[in-house]
Each structure stands twice: as C-alpha cells, then as structure tokens.
N, C-alpha and C. Protein backbone atom coordinates (compact mmCIF):
# COMPACT_ATOMS: atom_id res chain seq x y z
N MET A 1 -31.21 -10.82 -13.79
CA MET A 1 -30.89 -11.51 -12.59
C MET A 1 -31.48 -11.17 -11.39
N GLU A 2 -32.35 -12.15 -10.80
CA GLU A 2 -32.91 -11.78 -9.42
C GLU A 2 -31.95 -12.05 -8.53
N THR A 3 -31.76 -11.19 -7.43
CA THR A 3 -31.40 -11.68 -6.26
C THR A 3 -32.22 -11.40 -5.25
N ARG A 4 -31.70 -11.54 -3.83
CA ARG A 4 -32.61 -11.59 -2.73
C ARG A 4 -33.23 -10.28 -2.55
N ARG A 5 -34.57 -10.33 -2.22
CA ARG A 5 -35.32 -9.10 -1.53
C ARG A 5 -35.40 -8.12 -2.45
N GLY A 6 -35.68 -8.42 -3.88
CA GLY A 6 -35.94 -7.38 -4.58
C GLY A 6 -34.87 -6.73 -5.56
N TRP A 7 -33.70 -6.94 -5.35
CA TRP A 7 -32.58 -6.31 -6.12
C TRP A 7 -32.47 -6.86 -7.27
N ARG A 8 -32.48 -6.27 -8.38
CA ARG A 8 -32.20 -6.96 -9.58
C ARG A 8 -30.99 -6.27 -10.58
N ARG A 9 -30.15 -7.02 -10.87
CA ARG A 9 -29.09 -6.64 -11.92
C ARG A 9 -29.70 -6.83 -13.38
N LEU A 10 -29.72 -5.89 -14.07
CA LEU A 10 -30.12 -6.24 -15.43
C LEU A 10 -29.15 -7.32 -16.27
N ALA A 11 -29.83 -8.18 -17.15
CA ALA A 11 -29.12 -9.25 -17.86
C ALA A 11 -27.84 -8.59 -18.44
N THR A 12 -26.69 -9.08 -18.40
CA THR A 12 -25.68 -8.51 -18.87
C THR A 12 -25.15 -9.62 -20.00
N MET A 13 -24.52 -8.93 -20.98
CA MET A 13 -24.08 -9.72 -22.30
C MET A 13 -22.89 -10.59 -21.84
N GLY A 14 -23.15 -11.89 -22.01
CA GLY A 14 -21.96 -12.73 -21.73
C GLY A 14 -21.25 -13.12 -22.99
N ALA A 15 -19.97 -13.71 -22.85
CA ALA A 15 -19.18 -13.94 -23.75
C ALA A 15 -19.78 -14.62 -25.13
N ALA A 16 -20.86 -15.51 -24.81
CA ALA A 16 -21.43 -16.24 -25.87
C ALA A 16 -22.48 -15.58 -26.76
N ALA A 17 -22.84 -14.43 -26.08
CA ALA A 17 -23.91 -13.46 -26.62
C ALA A 17 -23.41 -12.28 -27.27
N VAL A 18 -22.13 -12.08 -27.21
CA VAL A 18 -21.54 -10.84 -27.71
C VAL A 18 -20.67 -10.92 -28.93
N VAL A 19 -21.09 -10.04 -29.82
CA VAL A 19 -20.34 -9.88 -31.14
C VAL A 19 -19.10 -8.56 -30.89
N LEU A 20 -18.04 -8.89 -30.59
CA LEU A 20 -16.91 -7.77 -30.51
C LEU A 20 -16.98 -6.90 -31.95
N ALA A 21 -17.22 -5.64 -31.79
CA ALA A 21 -17.31 -4.88 -32.82
C ALA A 21 -16.13 -4.26 -33.23
N GLY A 22 -15.63 -4.32 -34.41
CA GLY A 22 -14.53 -3.68 -35.09
C GLY A 22 -13.30 -3.82 -34.27
N GLY A 23 -12.43 -2.75 -34.10
CA GLY A 23 -11.14 -2.67 -33.36
C GLY A 23 -11.40 -1.98 -32.06
N ALA A 24 -12.64 -1.75 -31.65
CA ALA A 24 -13.05 -0.93 -30.49
C ALA A 24 -12.69 -1.52 -29.03
N GLY A 25 -12.34 -2.82 -29.14
CA GLY A 25 -12.08 -3.57 -27.89
C GLY A 25 -13.42 -3.65 -27.01
N ALA A 26 -14.47 -3.91 -27.62
CA ALA A 26 -15.59 -4.28 -26.84
C ALA A 26 -15.34 -5.18 -25.77
N ALA A 27 -15.99 -5.19 -24.54
CA ALA A 27 -15.78 -6.17 -23.57
C ALA A 27 -17.31 -6.35 -22.84
N VAL A 28 -17.39 -7.30 -22.11
CA VAL A 28 -18.67 -7.72 -21.61
C VAL A 28 -18.62 -7.45 -19.91
N ALA A 29 -19.84 -7.32 -19.43
CA ALA A 29 -20.09 -7.36 -18.12
C ALA A 29 -19.88 -8.70 -17.58
N VAL A 30 -19.48 -8.70 -16.15
CA VAL A 30 -19.50 -9.88 -15.43
C VAL A 30 -20.53 -9.73 -14.36
N GLU A 31 -21.55 -10.75 -14.35
CA GLU A 31 -22.55 -10.65 -13.37
C GLU A 31 -22.18 -10.84 -12.00
N ARG A 32 -22.60 -10.03 -11.04
CA ARG A 32 -22.32 -10.04 -9.62
C ARG A 32 -23.26 -11.13 -8.95
N THR A 33 -22.81 -11.72 -7.81
CA THR A 33 -23.77 -12.27 -7.03
C THR A 33 -23.75 -11.61 -5.71
N ALA A 34 -24.75 -11.97 -4.88
CA ALA A 34 -25.06 -11.15 -3.66
C ALA A 34 -23.86 -11.43 -2.60
N GLY A 35 -23.28 -10.31 -2.00
CA GLY A 35 -22.25 -10.26 -1.30
C GLY A 35 -22.59 -9.87 0.29
N HIS A 36 -21.52 -9.69 1.04
CA HIS A 36 -21.79 -9.34 2.53
C HIS A 36 -22.34 -7.96 2.49
N ALA A 37 -23.59 -7.82 3.35
CA ALA A 37 -24.09 -6.64 3.48
C ALA A 37 -23.08 -5.72 4.34
N ALA A 38 -22.80 -4.45 3.94
CA ALA A 38 -21.94 -3.60 4.55
C ALA A 38 -22.99 -2.22 5.06
N GLN A 39 -22.39 -1.49 5.95
CA GLN A 39 -22.90 -0.37 6.29
C GLN A 39 -22.97 0.76 5.11
N VAL A 40 -23.98 1.38 4.76
CA VAL A 40 -23.95 2.30 3.58
C VAL A 40 -23.65 3.65 4.23
N PRO A 41 -22.80 4.29 3.58
CA PRO A 41 -22.65 5.68 4.11
C PRO A 41 -24.02 6.71 3.92
N ALA A 42 -24.03 7.63 4.67
CA ALA A 42 -25.28 8.45 4.76
C ALA A 42 -25.51 9.24 3.57
N THR A 43 -24.66 9.03 2.46
CA THR A 43 -24.97 9.70 1.24
C THR A 43 -25.93 8.98 0.41
N VAL A 44 -26.30 7.86 0.94
CA VAL A 44 -27.32 6.96 0.10
C VAL A 44 -28.55 7.56 0.68
N ASP A 45 -29.55 7.83 -0.20
CA ASP A 45 -30.83 8.27 0.34
C ASP A 45 -31.85 7.36 -0.01
N ALA A 46 -32.02 6.20 0.74
CA ALA A 46 -32.84 5.04 0.38
C ALA A 46 -34.44 5.65 0.22
N ALA A 47 -34.73 6.53 0.81
CA ALA A 47 -36.13 7.17 0.67
C ALA A 47 -36.49 7.87 -0.56
N ALA A 48 -35.24 8.21 -1.20
CA ALA A 48 -35.45 9.11 -2.20
C ALA A 48 -36.47 8.49 -3.45
N PRO A 49 -37.60 8.99 -3.82
CA PRO A 49 -38.13 8.32 -5.00
C PRO A 49 -37.38 8.45 -6.23
N ALA A 50 -37.58 7.57 -7.25
CA ALA A 50 -37.04 7.56 -8.53
C ALA A 50 -37.74 8.70 -9.35
N LYS A 51 -36.91 9.56 -9.81
CA LYS A 51 -37.41 10.75 -10.54
C LYS A 51 -37.73 10.20 -11.91
N ALA A 52 -38.33 11.14 -12.77
CA ALA A 52 -38.74 10.82 -14.11
C ALA A 52 -37.30 10.50 -14.81
N ALA A 53 -37.32 9.62 -15.78
CA ALA A 53 -36.14 9.40 -16.39
C ALA A 53 -35.22 10.61 -17.05
N ASP A 54 -34.02 10.84 -16.72
CA ASP A 54 -33.26 11.90 -16.97
C ASP A 54 -33.12 11.89 -18.57
N HIS A 55 -33.04 12.95 -19.32
CA HIS A 55 -32.88 13.09 -20.57
C HIS A 55 -31.24 13.03 -20.90
N ALA A 56 -30.98 12.47 -22.05
CA ALA A 56 -29.51 12.48 -22.35
C ALA A 56 -29.02 13.92 -22.24
N ALA A 57 -27.88 14.09 -21.92
CA ALA A 57 -27.45 15.50 -21.59
C ALA A 57 -27.16 16.24 -22.86
N THR A 58 -27.65 17.33 -22.92
CA THR A 58 -27.32 18.14 -24.24
C THR A 58 -26.07 18.67 -24.31
N ALA A 59 -25.24 18.96 -23.08
CA ALA A 59 -23.81 19.37 -23.13
C ALA A 59 -23.15 17.99 -23.18
N PRO A 60 -21.92 18.44 -24.07
CA PRO A 60 -20.92 17.11 -24.26
C PRO A 60 -20.48 16.75 -22.77
N GLY A 61 -20.36 15.23 -22.57
CA GLY A 61 -19.78 14.87 -21.53
C GLY A 61 -20.75 14.28 -20.68
N PRO A 62 -20.40 13.23 -19.66
CA PRO A 62 -21.15 12.59 -18.86
C PRO A 62 -21.68 13.80 -17.64
N ARG A 63 -22.91 13.35 -17.19
CA ARG A 63 -23.30 13.91 -15.86
C ARG A 63 -22.38 13.50 -14.73
N THR A 64 -21.88 14.24 -13.73
CA THR A 64 -21.23 13.79 -12.74
C THR A 64 -22.07 13.52 -11.46
N VAL A 65 -22.02 12.49 -10.81
CA VAL A 65 -22.74 12.06 -9.66
C VAL A 65 -21.99 11.83 -8.50
N ARG A 66 -22.54 11.94 -7.24
CA ARG A 66 -21.77 11.59 -6.24
C ARG A 66 -21.80 9.96 -5.97
N PRO A 67 -20.85 9.29 -5.01
CA PRO A 67 -20.85 8.01 -4.89
C PRO A 67 -22.23 7.63 -4.18
N TYR A 68 -22.98 6.70 -4.65
CA TYR A 68 -24.19 6.03 -4.15
C TYR A 68 -25.40 6.98 -4.39
N GLN A 69 -25.35 7.93 -5.32
CA GLN A 69 -26.45 8.93 -5.40
C GLN A 69 -27.45 8.25 -6.18
N PRO A 70 -28.63 8.26 -5.85
CA PRO A 70 -29.76 7.43 -6.75
C PRO A 70 -29.99 8.24 -7.83
N VAL A 71 -30.03 7.94 -9.19
CA VAL A 71 -30.59 8.60 -10.17
C VAL A 71 -31.82 7.86 -10.84
N GLY A 72 -32.76 8.43 -10.93
CA GLY A 72 -33.92 7.88 -11.73
C GLY A 72 -33.59 7.70 -13.24
N ILE A 73 -33.79 6.44 -13.70
CA ILE A 73 -33.38 6.09 -14.97
C ILE A 73 -34.81 5.65 -15.93
N GLY A 74 -35.79 5.97 -15.41
CA GLY A 74 -37.23 5.52 -15.89
C GLY A 74 -37.57 4.34 -15.66
N GLN A 75 -38.89 4.16 -15.78
CA GLN A 75 -39.61 2.59 -15.53
C GLN A 75 -39.53 2.35 -14.10
N GLY A 76 -39.35 3.35 -13.34
CA GLY A 76 -39.36 3.15 -11.82
C GLY A 76 -37.94 2.63 -11.44
N ALA A 77 -37.10 2.67 -12.17
CA ALA A 77 -35.61 2.03 -11.68
C ALA A 77 -34.81 3.28 -11.43
N VAL A 78 -33.86 2.81 -10.51
CA VAL A 78 -32.82 3.77 -10.10
C VAL A 78 -31.62 3.18 -10.21
N MET A 79 -30.47 4.12 -10.68
CA MET A 79 -29.02 3.64 -10.79
C MET A 79 -28.24 4.20 -9.86
N ALA A 80 -27.32 3.69 -9.30
CA ALA A 80 -26.33 4.38 -8.34
C ALA A 80 -24.92 3.73 -8.60
N LEU A 81 -23.80 4.75 -8.88
CA LEU A 81 -22.40 4.13 -8.91
C LEU A 81 -21.81 4.15 -7.61
N LEU A 82 -21.07 3.14 -7.50
CA LEU A 82 -20.05 2.78 -6.43
C LEU A 82 -18.68 3.10 -6.57
N PRO A 83 -17.90 3.67 -5.52
CA PRO A 83 -16.40 3.95 -5.64
C PRO A 83 -15.78 2.53 -5.42
N GLU A 84 -16.37 1.51 -4.57
CA GLU A 84 -15.65 0.09 -4.58
C GLU A 84 -15.77 -0.65 -5.93
N GLY A 85 -14.73 -1.51 -6.02
CA GLY A 85 -14.78 -2.40 -7.38
C GLY A 85 -14.55 -1.62 -8.53
N ARG A 86 -14.47 -2.20 -9.68
CA ARG A 86 -14.42 -1.53 -10.99
C ARG A 86 -15.57 -1.49 -11.62
N GLN A 87 -15.92 -0.45 -12.41
CA GLN A 87 -17.02 0.07 -13.00
C GLN A 87 -18.40 -0.64 -12.27
N ASN A 88 -18.42 -0.26 -11.02
CA ASN A 88 -19.32 -1.06 -10.18
C ASN A 88 -20.51 -0.13 -10.01
N TYR A 89 -21.74 -0.52 -10.28
CA TYR A 89 -22.98 0.12 -10.23
C TYR A 89 -24.09 -0.72 -9.99
N VAL A 90 -25.21 -0.33 -9.49
CA VAL A 90 -26.53 -1.22 -9.49
C VAL A 90 -27.69 -0.40 -10.07
N VAL A 91 -28.62 -1.29 -10.46
CA VAL A 91 -29.82 -0.90 -10.83
C VAL A 91 -30.99 -1.37 -10.03
N ALA A 92 -31.73 -0.69 -9.34
CA ALA A 92 -32.80 -1.35 -8.22
C ALA A 92 -34.31 -0.67 -8.67
N TRP A 93 -35.11 -1.45 -8.72
CA TRP A 93 -36.50 -1.10 -8.66
C TRP A 93 -37.13 -0.99 -7.24
N THR A 94 -36.41 -1.40 -6.09
CA THR A 94 -37.09 -1.40 -5.08
C THR A 94 -36.19 -0.47 -4.11
N ASP A 95 -35.27 -1.31 -3.13
CA ASP A 95 -34.58 -0.46 -2.12
C ASP A 95 -33.10 -0.30 -2.71
N VAL A 96 -32.79 1.04 -3.14
CA VAL A 96 -31.43 1.28 -3.62
C VAL A 96 -30.50 1.11 -2.53
N ARG A 97 -30.94 1.36 -1.34
CA ARG A 97 -29.86 1.01 -0.19
C ARG A 97 -29.50 -0.43 -0.09
N GLU A 98 -30.42 -1.32 -0.23
CA GLU A 98 -29.94 -2.71 -0.15
C GLU A 98 -29.20 -2.98 -1.41
N ALA A 99 -29.57 -2.49 -2.56
CA ALA A 99 -28.72 -2.88 -3.73
C ALA A 99 -27.35 -2.49 -3.50
N VAL A 100 -27.13 -1.21 -2.89
CA VAL A 100 -25.82 -0.98 -2.82
C VAL A 100 -25.00 -1.66 -1.71
N GLU A 101 -25.89 -2.03 -0.68
CA GLU A 101 -25.18 -2.79 0.44
C GLU A 101 -24.63 -4.18 -0.21
N GLN A 102 -25.30 -4.94 -1.06
CA GLN A 102 -24.95 -5.87 -1.55
C GLN A 102 -23.66 -5.93 -2.66
N ALA A 103 -23.74 -4.67 -3.37
CA ALA A 103 -22.85 -4.44 -4.23
C ALA A 103 -21.34 -3.93 -3.85
N ARG A 104 -21.41 -3.42 -2.49
CA ARG A 104 -20.14 -2.75 -2.26
C ARG A 104 -18.87 -3.61 -2.37
N GLU A 105 -18.92 -4.75 -1.89
CA GLU A 105 -17.75 -5.67 -2.07
C GLU A 105 -17.72 -6.65 -3.47
N MET A 106 -18.45 -6.25 -4.34
CA MET A 106 -18.40 -6.93 -5.67
C MET A 106 -17.31 -6.38 -6.50
N VAL A 107 -16.92 -7.11 -7.64
CA VAL A 107 -15.82 -6.72 -8.32
C VAL A 107 -16.54 -5.71 -9.38
N GLY A 108 -17.80 -5.57 -9.64
CA GLY A 108 -18.43 -4.75 -10.70
C GLY A 108 -18.07 -5.18 -12.12
N ASP A 109 -18.26 -4.51 -13.11
CA ASP A 109 -18.27 -5.17 -14.47
C ASP A 109 -16.77 -5.62 -14.99
N ASP A 110 -15.94 -4.77 -14.38
CA ASP A 110 -14.35 -4.84 -14.62
C ASP A 110 -14.04 -5.20 -16.19
N ILE A 111 -14.49 -4.19 -17.00
CA ILE A 111 -14.09 -4.39 -18.44
C ILE A 111 -12.83 -3.77 -18.82
N ARG A 112 -12.37 -4.10 -19.97
CA ARG A 112 -11.21 -3.60 -20.42
C ARG A 112 -11.10 -2.10 -20.76
N PRO A 113 -10.07 -1.51 -20.94
CA PRO A 113 -10.00 -0.18 -21.35
C PRO A 113 -10.54 -0.06 -22.74
N GLU A 114 -11.05 1.22 -23.01
CA GLU A 114 -11.73 1.62 -24.37
C GLU A 114 -12.83 0.51 -24.77
N SER A 115 -13.57 0.23 -23.49
CA SER A 115 -14.65 -0.84 -23.78
C SER A 115 -15.89 -0.48 -23.16
N LEU A 116 -17.21 -1.18 -23.72
CA LEU A 116 -18.45 -0.83 -23.09
C LEU A 116 -18.91 -2.36 -22.62
N SER A 117 -19.74 -2.20 -21.61
CA SER A 117 -20.75 -3.42 -21.37
C SER A 117 -21.98 -3.16 -21.53
N GLY A 118 -23.00 -3.98 -21.59
CA GLY A 118 -24.27 -3.66 -21.96
C GLY A 118 -25.25 -4.75 -21.21
N GLY A 119 -26.40 -4.19 -20.84
CA GLY A 119 -27.37 -5.07 -20.32
C GLY A 119 -28.85 -4.44 -20.76
N ILE A 120 -29.82 -5.33 -20.54
CA ILE A 120 -31.09 -5.15 -21.10
C ILE A 120 -32.15 -5.61 -20.02
N ASN A 121 -33.31 -4.89 -19.78
CA ASN A 121 -34.53 -5.27 -19.26
C ASN A 121 -35.70 -5.11 -19.93
N ILE A 122 -36.45 -6.13 -20.03
CA ILE A 122 -37.69 -6.06 -20.99
C ILE A 122 -38.93 -6.49 -20.08
N ASP A 123 -39.94 -5.43 -20.09
CA ASP A 123 -41.07 -5.69 -19.42
C ASP A 123 -42.14 -5.36 -20.29
N GLY A 124 -42.76 -6.50 -20.94
CA GLY A 124 -43.86 -6.23 -21.83
C GLY A 124 -43.34 -5.30 -22.98
N ALA A 125 -43.94 -4.23 -23.46
CA ALA A 125 -43.27 -3.33 -24.55
C ALA A 125 -42.20 -2.51 -24.04
N ASP A 126 -42.03 -2.30 -22.57
CA ASP A 126 -40.87 -1.50 -22.02
C ASP A 126 -39.52 -2.17 -22.16
N VAL A 127 -38.71 -1.43 -22.60
CA VAL A 127 -37.21 -1.92 -22.74
C VAL A 127 -36.42 -0.84 -21.96
N LEU A 128 -35.49 -1.27 -21.18
CA LEU A 128 -34.61 -0.37 -20.41
C LEU A 128 -33.02 -0.90 -20.72
N TYR A 129 -32.16 -0.26 -21.41
CA TYR A 129 -30.80 -0.43 -21.77
C TYR A 129 -29.93 0.21 -20.58
N THR A 130 -28.98 -0.57 -20.22
CA THR A 130 -27.91 -0.03 -19.05
C THR A 130 -26.47 -0.52 -19.35
N GLY A 131 -25.60 -0.02 -19.00
CA GLY A 131 -24.29 -0.54 -19.15
C GLY A 131 -23.27 0.36 -18.64
N ALA A 132 -21.96 -0.12 -18.73
CA ALA A 132 -20.71 0.78 -18.17
C ALA A 132 -19.78 1.08 -19.44
N TRP A 133 -19.09 2.22 -19.24
CA TRP A 133 -18.05 2.60 -20.19
C TRP A 133 -16.75 2.70 -19.43
N ARG A 134 -15.76 2.44 -20.31
CA ARG A 134 -14.36 2.51 -19.59
C ARG A 134 -13.67 3.12 -20.78
N THR A 135 -13.21 4.50 -20.74
CA THR A 135 -12.44 5.12 -21.79
C THR A 135 -11.54 6.04 -21.30
N SER A 136 -10.30 6.36 -21.85
CA SER A 136 -9.62 7.31 -21.49
C SER A 136 -9.79 8.68 -21.76
N THR A 137 -10.99 8.96 -22.63
CA THR A 137 -11.48 10.02 -23.00
C THR A 137 -12.86 9.93 -22.60
N PRO A 138 -13.46 10.65 -21.74
CA PRO A 138 -14.99 10.65 -21.25
C PRO A 138 -15.81 10.76 -22.59
N PRO A 139 -16.73 9.81 -22.69
CA PRO A 139 -17.67 10.06 -24.01
C PRO A 139 -18.37 11.19 -23.80
N ALA A 140 -18.67 12.08 -25.15
CA ALA A 140 -19.61 12.99 -25.12
C ALA A 140 -20.85 12.59 -25.48
N ARG A 141 -20.85 11.42 -25.91
CA ARG A 141 -22.24 11.08 -26.35
C ARG A 141 -22.28 9.45 -26.48
N ILE A 142 -23.34 8.85 -26.03
CA ILE A 142 -23.22 7.31 -26.12
C ILE A 142 -24.77 6.95 -26.73
N THR A 143 -24.79 6.29 -27.87
CA THR A 143 -25.99 5.84 -28.64
C THR A 143 -26.23 4.39 -28.47
N VAL A 144 -27.64 4.16 -28.55
CA VAL A 144 -28.09 2.58 -28.66
C VAL A 144 -28.81 2.38 -29.88
N ARG A 145 -28.26 1.58 -30.63
CA ARG A 145 -29.05 1.39 -32.12
C ARG A 145 -29.53 -0.11 -32.14
N THR A 146 -30.79 -0.15 -32.52
CA THR A 146 -31.42 -1.50 -32.64
C THR A 146 -31.35 -2.08 -34.09
N ALA A 147 -31.69 -3.17 -34.52
CA ALA A 147 -31.50 -3.72 -35.81
C ALA A 147 -32.38 -3.12 -36.70
N ASP A 148 -33.44 -2.59 -36.12
CA ASP A 148 -34.49 -1.62 -37.12
C ASP A 148 -33.95 -0.40 -37.47
N GLY A 149 -32.70 0.00 -37.24
CA GLY A 149 -32.04 1.08 -37.69
C GLY A 149 -32.21 2.42 -36.70
N ALA A 150 -33.12 2.08 -35.65
CA ALA A 150 -33.40 3.31 -34.91
C ALA A 150 -32.43 3.51 -33.79
N GLU A 151 -31.80 4.62 -33.69
CA GLU A 151 -30.76 5.07 -32.83
C GLU A 151 -31.23 6.03 -31.93
N ARG A 152 -30.75 5.93 -30.57
CA ARG A 152 -31.29 6.77 -29.57
C ARG A 152 -30.05 7.23 -28.64
N ASP A 153 -30.13 8.64 -28.19
CA ASP A 153 -29.09 8.94 -27.30
C ASP A 153 -29.39 8.46 -25.82
N ALA A 154 -28.41 8.02 -25.30
CA ALA A 154 -28.69 7.36 -23.67
C ALA A 154 -28.06 8.42 -22.75
N GLY A 155 -28.57 8.40 -21.58
CA GLY A 155 -28.05 9.37 -20.64
C GLY A 155 -26.76 8.61 -20.11
N VAL A 156 -25.67 9.51 -19.84
CA VAL A 156 -24.35 9.14 -19.57
C VAL A 156 -23.94 9.72 -18.18
N LEU A 157 -23.48 8.91 -17.28
CA LEU A 157 -23.15 9.22 -16.02
C LEU A 157 -21.54 8.93 -15.59
N SER A 158 -21.11 9.68 -14.84
CA SER A 158 -19.54 9.43 -14.32
C SER A 158 -19.56 9.70 -12.83
N LEU A 159 -18.73 8.95 -12.03
CA LEU A 159 -18.54 9.22 -10.60
C LEU A 159 -17.58 10.36 -10.24
N THR A 160 -18.00 11.20 -9.35
CA THR A 160 -17.11 12.27 -8.97
C THR A 160 -15.74 11.57 -8.62
N GLY A 161 -14.65 12.27 -9.29
CA GLY A 161 -13.25 11.97 -8.98
C GLY A 161 -12.88 10.67 -9.68
N ARG A 162 -13.86 10.11 -10.41
CA ARG A 162 -13.44 8.76 -11.27
C ARG A 162 -13.71 9.02 -12.88
N PRO A 163 -12.94 9.92 -13.54
CA PRO A 163 -13.32 10.32 -14.76
C PRO A 163 -13.17 9.17 -15.79
N GLY A 164 -12.46 8.05 -15.49
CA GLY A 164 -12.23 7.08 -16.55
C GLY A 164 -13.22 6.14 -16.68
N TRP A 165 -14.42 6.16 -16.04
CA TRP A 165 -15.49 5.24 -16.29
C TRP A 165 -16.81 5.88 -15.96
N GLY A 166 -17.70 5.17 -16.16
CA GLY A 166 -19.12 5.56 -15.79
C GLY A 166 -20.01 4.55 -16.30
N THR A 167 -21.35 5.08 -16.44
CA THR A 167 -22.59 4.25 -16.84
C THR A 167 -23.20 4.97 -17.89
N TYR A 168 -24.11 4.32 -18.45
CA TYR A 168 -25.27 4.83 -19.72
C TYR A 168 -26.66 4.17 -19.34
N TYR A 169 -27.71 4.79 -19.66
CA TYR A 169 -28.84 4.17 -19.52
C TYR A 169 -29.74 4.69 -20.74
N LEU A 170 -30.83 3.85 -21.08
CA LEU A 170 -31.80 4.36 -22.26
C LEU A 170 -33.22 3.78 -21.72
N ASP A 171 -33.92 4.70 -21.52
CA ASP A 171 -35.43 4.37 -21.31
C ASP A 171 -36.17 4.27 -22.48
N ALA A 172 -36.49 2.99 -23.06
CA ALA A 172 -36.95 2.93 -24.37
C ALA A 172 -38.50 2.17 -24.07
N ALA A 173 -39.23 2.89 -23.15
CA ALA A 173 -40.56 2.46 -22.78
C ALA A 173 -41.36 2.43 -24.14
N GLY A 174 -42.06 1.45 -24.20
CA GLY A 174 -43.08 1.30 -25.44
C GLY A 174 -42.41 0.85 -26.64
N SER A 175 -41.24 0.75 -26.95
CA SER A 175 -40.62 0.51 -28.14
C SER A 175 -40.70 -1.16 -28.37
N GLY A 176 -41.06 -1.95 -27.59
CA GLY A 176 -41.21 -3.26 -27.87
C GLY A 176 -39.78 -4.09 -27.90
N THR A 177 -39.85 -5.40 -27.78
CA THR A 177 -38.57 -6.11 -27.88
C THR A 177 -37.89 -5.97 -28.94
N PRO A 178 -36.63 -5.45 -28.98
CA PRO A 178 -35.98 -5.32 -30.30
C PRO A 178 -35.39 -6.68 -30.80
N GLN A 179 -35.42 -6.72 -32.09
CA GLN A 179 -34.95 -7.98 -32.71
C GLN A 179 -33.46 -7.78 -33.29
N GLY A 180 -32.78 -8.88 -33.42
CA GLY A 180 -31.53 -8.78 -34.00
C GLY A 180 -30.40 -8.20 -33.21
N THR A 181 -29.56 -7.40 -33.72
CA THR A 181 -28.41 -6.91 -32.91
C THR A 181 -28.55 -5.46 -32.41
N VAL A 182 -28.17 -5.30 -31.14
CA VAL A 182 -28.16 -4.02 -30.50
C VAL A 182 -26.66 -3.62 -30.63
N THR A 183 -26.44 -2.44 -30.98
CA THR A 183 -25.19 -1.65 -30.93
C THR A 183 -25.20 -0.45 -30.15
N VAL A 184 -24.11 -0.44 -29.29
CA VAL A 184 -23.81 0.65 -28.40
C VAL A 184 -22.60 1.31 -28.95
N THR A 185 -22.57 2.72 -28.88
CA THR A 185 -21.51 3.32 -29.46
C THR A 185 -21.19 4.43 -28.58
N ALA A 186 -19.89 4.70 -28.09
CA ALA A 186 -19.44 5.92 -27.34
C ALA A 186 -18.58 6.87 -28.33
N TYR A 187 -18.94 8.15 -28.39
CA TYR A 187 -18.36 8.91 -29.19
C TYR A 187 -17.50 9.78 -28.31
N GLY A 188 -16.41 10.39 -28.75
CA GLY A 188 -15.70 11.45 -28.15
C GLY A 188 -16.17 12.80 -28.47
N PRO A 189 -15.43 13.84 -28.05
CA PRO A 189 -16.26 15.55 -28.06
C PRO A 189 -15.84 15.66 -29.71
N ASP A 190 -14.99 15.16 -30.39
CA ASP A 190 -14.86 15.51 -31.79
C ASP A 190 -15.66 14.50 -32.71
N GLY A 191 -16.41 13.49 -32.23
CA GLY A 191 -17.44 12.71 -33.11
C GLY A 191 -16.48 11.19 -33.32
N GLU A 192 -15.26 11.20 -32.81
CA GLU A 192 -14.65 10.04 -32.95
C GLU A 192 -15.11 8.89 -32.25
N VAL A 193 -15.03 7.53 -32.69
CA VAL A 193 -15.66 6.46 -31.91
C VAL A 193 -14.75 6.06 -30.96
N LEU A 194 -15.10 5.92 -29.80
CA LEU A 194 -14.13 5.59 -28.62
C LEU A 194 -14.26 4.13 -28.14
N ALA A 195 -15.42 3.53 -28.41
CA ALA A 195 -15.73 2.16 -28.36
C ALA A 195 -17.14 1.73 -28.84
N THR A 196 -17.30 0.20 -29.26
CA THR A 196 -18.55 -0.21 -29.72
C THR A 196 -18.67 -1.43 -29.23
N LEU A 197 -19.89 -1.81 -28.85
CA LEU A 197 -20.40 -3.02 -28.41
C LEU A 197 -21.62 -3.43 -29.10
N ALA A 198 -21.54 -4.40 -29.76
CA ALA A 198 -22.70 -5.18 -30.50
C ALA A 198 -22.88 -6.57 -29.86
N TYR A 199 -24.30 -6.69 -29.64
CA TYR A 199 -24.79 -8.16 -29.17
C TYR A 199 -26.19 -8.46 -29.47
N GLU A 200 -26.29 -9.79 -29.47
CA GLU A 200 -27.59 -10.39 -29.76
C GLU A 200 -28.21 -10.65 -28.22
N MET A 201 -29.44 -10.23 -28.01
CA MET A 201 -29.82 -10.14 -26.59
C MET A 201 -30.43 -11.39 -26.01
N PHE A 202 -30.09 -11.61 -24.65
CA PHE A 202 -30.81 -12.56 -23.87
C PHE A 202 -31.43 -11.71 -22.77
N PRO A 203 -32.55 -11.09 -22.97
CA PRO A 203 -33.06 -10.24 -21.97
C PRO A 203 -33.57 -11.07 -20.69
N THR A 204 -33.72 -10.30 -19.69
CA THR A 204 -34.48 -10.48 -18.53
C THR A 204 -35.69 -9.71 -18.23
N GLY A 205 -36.91 -10.34 -17.81
CA GLY A 205 -38.12 -9.44 -17.45
C GLY A 205 -38.27 -9.15 -16.08
N ARG A 206 -39.06 -8.34 -15.89
CA ARG A 206 -39.43 -8.14 -14.55
C ARG A 206 -40.66 -8.78 -13.90
C-alpha cells in the first residue's frame, strides 16, 4: 500500500486472503491509513541509514529495540516499532521519521492473542516478508515457509517494556515470487508452536 510522500506499508493479508492454520488462532493485520502528523520524539534518527539486513538472532528470543528505533531489514527498508497503538510498526524505504509521524495515532495491526499477522513486498526477484506477533510467551524463533518447502528463520524484534508483542522480518532477496501458500510459525523456547499463519499472497511491488 502506497501512502503520501513515499511511506509504504507492506501488503497485509486480509480476511479473504488468509487460511487460519490449525488451532493457533492466527489473525490478520488491519491496514492503516495516513493519520495526523505528530511531533516525533528525539529517539527517532531520521538520518540513520538502513543497515544491512540483520540476521535472525542466534540466541533464543527476540532482539529488544527502543521505541521508534530504525532497524535495517534488508533491500533498503527500515522497520520501527511504536509504543502507541497495538502491535504498531512501520516499514519505510525513504523517511522513517515521516512514517512514524503518520503511524503514531493509528491502531496498528491489533491482532488477537496467540496470533501472527503477515505482509509481503515483491520487487522483481526480491521478496521481503514482515509481520507482527502477539504471544504470551515471546517466540524463540519465527520461520517463514513457502510452498516449495523452503523454510527460513526470520529476524524477531520486540519493544522495550512491551514483551507481549513484536515483529518479524525476512529478507528473501533473489528468491523470486513464491507460489502457493506461505506459512509463518512462531516457536517457543522448548520448540512448541505458539502461533501459525498461512496465507495465499496478494503482494505489492515497489
């Protein structure tokens, strides 16, 4: 979804596009629309360049980040988590400050407990998966599996002081447009499945 002046929310999986998997209580993201621009706290470093994609954490559990902290997630994109709203985050290719300004008064994904949301952006052969998780046990690992059976570990983030939710991302540059069903699974520290989301894609390009 394109919004004004270069901010892009990745396409999120709507109700018609999602297969709820098993008993995991998978839910879907609610797309945000542009809201009132507010003053962004000084913790947002609008000039910070996107770093190379962070590899999925080798230690169990999500990486904890500060509110509004820009995190490079690959392909020139930056993700930032917001304390306002519910499971509220942005993905920006240009100005992360403006993206945060537009999202601060939005509801966020607002997914059910023990659930995941999912989004995807495709630019030629480059694919970028993102979404939110909301689980009572922080996931030790989140994977993304495509219809060809390939499964990759995603990077996992959580917001300081908000352990019950966070985001994930997977830079699958060069993998090409996946066909069929994409399945996202969050695992607990002992390998138990915390939540699963399966969807047929309706991607957006850059």
